[in-house]
Amino acid sequence: MAEAYCFKCRAKREIKNPQNVVLKNKRPAIKGVCPVCGTKVFRIGKS
């Protein structure tokens, strides 16, 4: 599973409901939700 840094929890968390996205500059990314606090998290470079 992919992990991203949650700024609210200040810790790396596993991404809940991950979605693969492509940025404007064609780089892959993953966006989802923190399972602990529900904040949106985003990770660039792994898809």
C-alpha atoms as a PDB file:
ATOM      1  CA  MET A   1       0.000   0.000   0.000  1.00  0.00           C
ATOM      2  CA  ALA A   2       1.082   3.566  -0.622  1.00  0.00           C
ATOM      3  CA  GLU A   3       2.008   5.900   2.202  1.00  0.00           C
ATOM      4  CA  ALA A   4       1.835   9.679   2.358  1.00  0.00           C
ATOM      5  CA  TYR A   5       2.714  12.274   4.985  1.00  0.00           C
ATOM      6  CA  CYS A   6      -0.309  13.648   6.848  1.00  0.00           C
ATOM      7  CA  PHE A   7       0.311  17.256   7.895  1.00  0.00           C
ATOM      8  CA  LYS A   8      -2.429  17.195  10.523  1.00  0.00           C
ATOM      9  CA  CYS A   9      -1.151  14.017  12.259  1.00  0.00           C
ATOM     10  CA  ARG A  10       2.492  14.862  11.468  1.00  0.00           C
ATOM     11  CA  ALA A  11       3.211  11.242  10.564  1.00  0.00           C
ATOM     12  CA  LYS A  12       3.358   8.933   7.562  1.00  0.00           C
ATOM     13  CA  ARG A  13       0.036   7.160   7.090  1.00  0.00           C
ATOM     14  CA  GLU A  14      -1.253   4.527   4.701  1.00  0.00           C
ATOM     15  CA  ILE A  15      -3.520   6.138   2.091  1.00  0.00           C
ATOM     16  CA  LYS A  16      -7.227   5.286   2.395  1.00  0.00           C
ATOM     17  CA  ASN A  17      -9.213   5.226  -0.895  1.00  0.00           C
ATOM     18  CA  PRO A  18      -6.127   5.791  -3.109  1.00  0.00           C
ATOM     19  CA  GLN A  19      -6.708   7.201  -6.592  1.00  0.00           C
ATOM     20  CA  ASN A  20      -4.078   7.329  -9.311  1.00  0.00           C
ATOM     21  CA  VAL A  21      -3.872  10.746 -10.964  1.00  0.00           C
ATOM     22  CA  VAL A  22      -1.618  12.364 -13.568  1.00  0.00           C
ATOM     23  CA  LEU A  23      -0.393  15.913 -12.998  1.00  0.00           C
ATOM     24  CA  LYS A  24      -0.238  18.605 -15.696  1.00  0.00           C
ATOM     25  CA  ASN A  25       3.444  17.880 -16.241  1.00  0.00           C
ATOM     26  CA  LYS A  26       2.630  14.162 -16.862  1.00  0.00           C
ATOM     27  CA  ARG A  27       4.027  12.940 -13.537  1.00  0.00           C
ATOM     28  CA  PRO A  28       2.093  10.184 -11.743  1.00  0.00           C
ATOM     29  CA  ALA A  29       0.658  10.807  -8.278  1.00  0.00           C
ATOM     30  CA  ILE A  30      -1.672   9.256  -5.717  1.00  0.00           C
ATOM     31  CA  LYS A  31      -4.318  11.113  -3.746  1.00  0.00           C
ATOM     32  CA  GLY A  32      -6.495   9.858  -0.942  1.00  0.00           C
ATOM     33  CA  VAL A  33      -7.532  10.343   2.673  1.00  0.00           C
ATOM     34  CA  CYS A  34      -5.758   9.862   6.008  1.00  0.00           C
ATOM     35  CA  PRO A  35      -7.413   6.928   7.829  1.00  0.00           C
ATOM     36  CA  VAL A  36      -6.909   8.520  11.267  1.00  0.00           C
ATOM     37  CA  CYS A  37      -8.058  12.142  10.890  1.00  0.00           C
ATOM     38  CA  GLY A  38      -9.740  12.223   7.471  1.00  0.00           C
ATOM     39  CA  THR A  39      -7.476  14.907   5.965  1.00  0.00           C
ATOM     40  CA  LYS A  40      -6.674  14.751   2.241  1.00  0.00           C
ATOM     41  CA  VAL A  41      -3.183  13.382   1.552  1.00  0.00           C
ATOM     42  CA  PHE A  42      -1.173  13.479  -1.677  1.00  0.00           C
ATOM     43  CA  ARG A  43       1.920  11.630  -2.892  1.00  0.00           C
ATOM     44  CA  ILE A  44       3.828  12.528  -6.060  1.00  0.00           C
ATOM     45  CA  GLY A  45       5.894  10.001  -7.990  1.00  0.00           C
ATOM     46  CA  LYS A  46       4.331   6.624  -7.242  1.00  0.00           C
ATOM     47  CA  SER A  47       1.391   5.342  -9.129  1.00  0.00           C
END
